[in-house]
Amino acid sequence: MDKEIIFVVEEDPEGGYSAKALGYSIFTQGETIQELKENIKDALLCHFNYESDIPKVIRLHIVKEEVLAYA
């Protein structure tokens, strides 16, 4: 059992946020960061067979993409 799980969080172009777990087939979305956190917990309950298998630490790696033009 892993002690932590890492999610890469990105802003969706249409609005809201998406999260993908590294090393697991877990993906979820939310309109706000708070909603996303709740949806991540729900997705973990769906993915793992037993609640005791869910890693106790959930790390969110929030990625914000910016475009910079060099002129």
C-alpha atoms as a PDB file:
ATOM      1  CA  MET A   1       0.000   0.000   0.000  1.00  0.00           C
ATOM      2  CA  ASP A   2       1.313   3.439  -0.938  1.00  0.00           C
ATOM      3  CA  LYS A   3       1.408   6.063   1.800  1.00  0.00           C
ATOM      4  CA  GLU A   4       0.540   8.896  -0.560  1.00  0.00           C
ATOM      5  CA  ILE A   5      -0.999   9.537  -3.926  1.00  0.00           C
ATOM      6  CA  ILE A   6      -0.239  12.497  -6.181  1.00  0.00           C
ATOM      7  CA  PHE A   7      -2.746  14.218  -8.435  1.00  0.00           C
ATOM      8  CA  VAL A   8      -1.793  16.645 -11.196  1.00  0.00           C
ATOM      9  CA  VAL A   9      -4.392  19.416 -11.184  1.00  0.00           C
ATOM     10  CA  GLU A  10      -4.915  21.680 -14.192  1.00  0.00           C
ATOM     11  CA  GLU A  11      -7.371  24.438 -15.026  1.00  0.00           C
ATOM     12  CA  ASP A  12      -9.741  23.382 -17.801  1.00  0.00           C
ATOM     13  CA  PRO A  13     -10.033  25.759 -20.769  1.00  0.00           C
ATOM     14  CA  GLU A  14     -13.849  25.600 -20.447  1.00  0.00           C
ATOM     15  CA  GLY A  15     -13.674  26.420 -16.720  1.00  0.00           C
ATOM     16  CA  GLY A  16     -13.161  24.419 -13.568  1.00  0.00           C
ATOM     17  CA  TYR A  17     -10.356  21.992 -12.810  1.00  0.00           C
ATOM     18  CA  SER A  18      -9.335  18.453 -13.719  1.00  0.00           C
ATOM     19  CA  ALA A  19      -7.178  16.052 -11.718  1.00  0.00           C
ATOM     20  CA  LYS A  20      -5.296  12.914 -12.822  1.00  0.00           C
ATOM     21  CA  ALA A  21      -3.557  10.568 -10.398  1.00  0.00           C
ATOM     22  CA  LEU A  22       0.034   9.642 -11.172  1.00  0.00           C
ATOM     23  CA  GLY A  23       0.414   5.874 -11.438  1.00  0.00           C
ATOM     24  CA  TYR A  24      -3.315   5.145 -11.169  1.00  0.00           C
ATOM     25  CA  SER A  25      -6.271   5.257 -13.549  1.00  0.00           C
ATOM     26  CA  ILE A  26      -8.087   7.911 -11.539  1.00  0.00           C
ATOM     27  CA  PHE A  27      -9.445  11.076 -13.154  1.00  0.00           C
ATOM     28  CA  THR A  28     -11.995  13.593 -11.900  1.00  0.00           C
ATOM     29  CA  GLN A  29     -13.160  17.172 -12.342  1.00  0.00           C
ATOM     30  CA  GLY A  30     -14.692  20.000 -10.326  1.00  0.00           C
ATOM     31  CA  GLU A  31     -15.886  23.567 -10.840  1.00  0.00           C
ATOM     32  CA  THR A  32     -13.885  24.838  -7.836  1.00  0.00           C
ATOM     33  CA  ILE A  33     -10.809  23.563  -6.006  1.00  0.00           C
ATOM     34  CA  GLN A  34     -13.007  22.658  -3.015  1.00  0.00           C
ATOM     35  CA  GLU A  35     -15.401  20.665  -5.222  1.00  0.00           C
ATOM     36  CA  LEU A  36     -12.423  19.001  -6.902  1.00  0.00           C
ATOM     37  CA  LYS A  37     -11.050  17.900  -3.515  1.00  0.00           C
ATOM     38  CA  GLU A  38     -14.386  16.277  -2.630  1.00  0.00           C
ATOM     39  CA  ASN A  39     -14.555  14.604  -6.054  1.00  0.00           C
ATOM     40  CA  ILE A  40     -11.019  13.261  -5.594  1.00  0.00           C
ATOM     41  CA  LYS A  41     -12.056  11.638  -2.314  1.00  0.00           C
ATOM     42  CA  ASP A  42     -15.115  10.117  -4.015  1.00  0.00           C
ATOM     43  CA  ALA A  43     -12.967   8.863  -6.923  1.00  0.00           C
ATOM     44  CA  LEU A  44     -10.564   7.208  -4.480  1.00  0.00           C
ATOM     45  CA  LEU A  45     -13.462   5.394  -2.812  1.00  0.00           C
ATOM     46  CA  CYS A  46     -14.575   4.125  -6.231  1.00  0.00           C
ATOM     47  CA  HIS A  47     -11.071   3.076  -7.327  1.00  0.00           C
ATOM     48  CA  PHE A  48      -9.877   1.156  -4.264  1.00  0.00           C
ATOM     49  CA  ASN A  49     -11.700  -1.959  -3.098  1.00  0.00           C
ATOM     50  CA  TYR A  50     -11.255  -1.146   0.579  1.00  0.00           C
ATOM     51  CA  GLU A  51     -11.112   2.209   2.317  1.00  0.00           C
ATOM     52  CA  SER A  52      -8.066   0.956   4.228  1.00  0.00           C
ATOM     53  CA  ASP A  53      -6.197   0.694   0.877  1.00  0.00           C
ATOM     54  CA  ILE A  54      -6.562   4.415   0.151  1.00  0.00           C
ATOM     55  CA  PRO A  55      -3.293   6.294   0.744  1.00  0.00           C
ATOM     56  CA  LYS A  56      -3.583   8.568   3.767  1.00  0.00           C
ATOM     57  CA  VAL A  57      -1.807  11.511   2.089  1.00  0.00           C
ATOM     58  CA  ILE A  58      -3.325  13.029  -1.046  1.00  0.00           C
ATOM     59  CA  ARG A  59      -0.933  15.485  -2.667  1.00  0.00           C
ATOM     60  CA  LEU A  60      -2.209  17.969  -5.251  1.00  0.00           C
ATOM     61  CA  HIS A  61       0.344  19.260  -7.744  1.00  0.00           C
ATOM     62  CA  ILE A  62      -1.416  22.313  -9.167  1.00  0.00           C
ATOM     63  CA  VAL A  63      -0.120  23.239 -12.627  1.00  0.00           C
ATOM     64  CA  LYS A  64      -0.840  26.656 -14.057  1.00  0.00           C
ATOM     65  CA  GLU A  65       0.153  27.139 -17.655  1.00  0.00           C
ATOM     66  CA  GLU A  66       1.073  30.585 -18.916  1.00  0.00           C
ATOM     67  CA  VAL A  67       2.169  31.603 -22.386  1.00  0.00           C
ATOM     68  CA  LEU A  68       4.887  34.203 -22.706  1.00  0.00           C
ATOM     69  CA  ALA A  69       5.678  35.785 -26.057  1.00  0.00           C
ATOM     70  CA  TYR A  70       9.250  36.841 -26.689  1.00  0.00           C
ATOM     71  CA  ALA A  71       9.353  39.817 -29.012  1.00  0.00           C
END
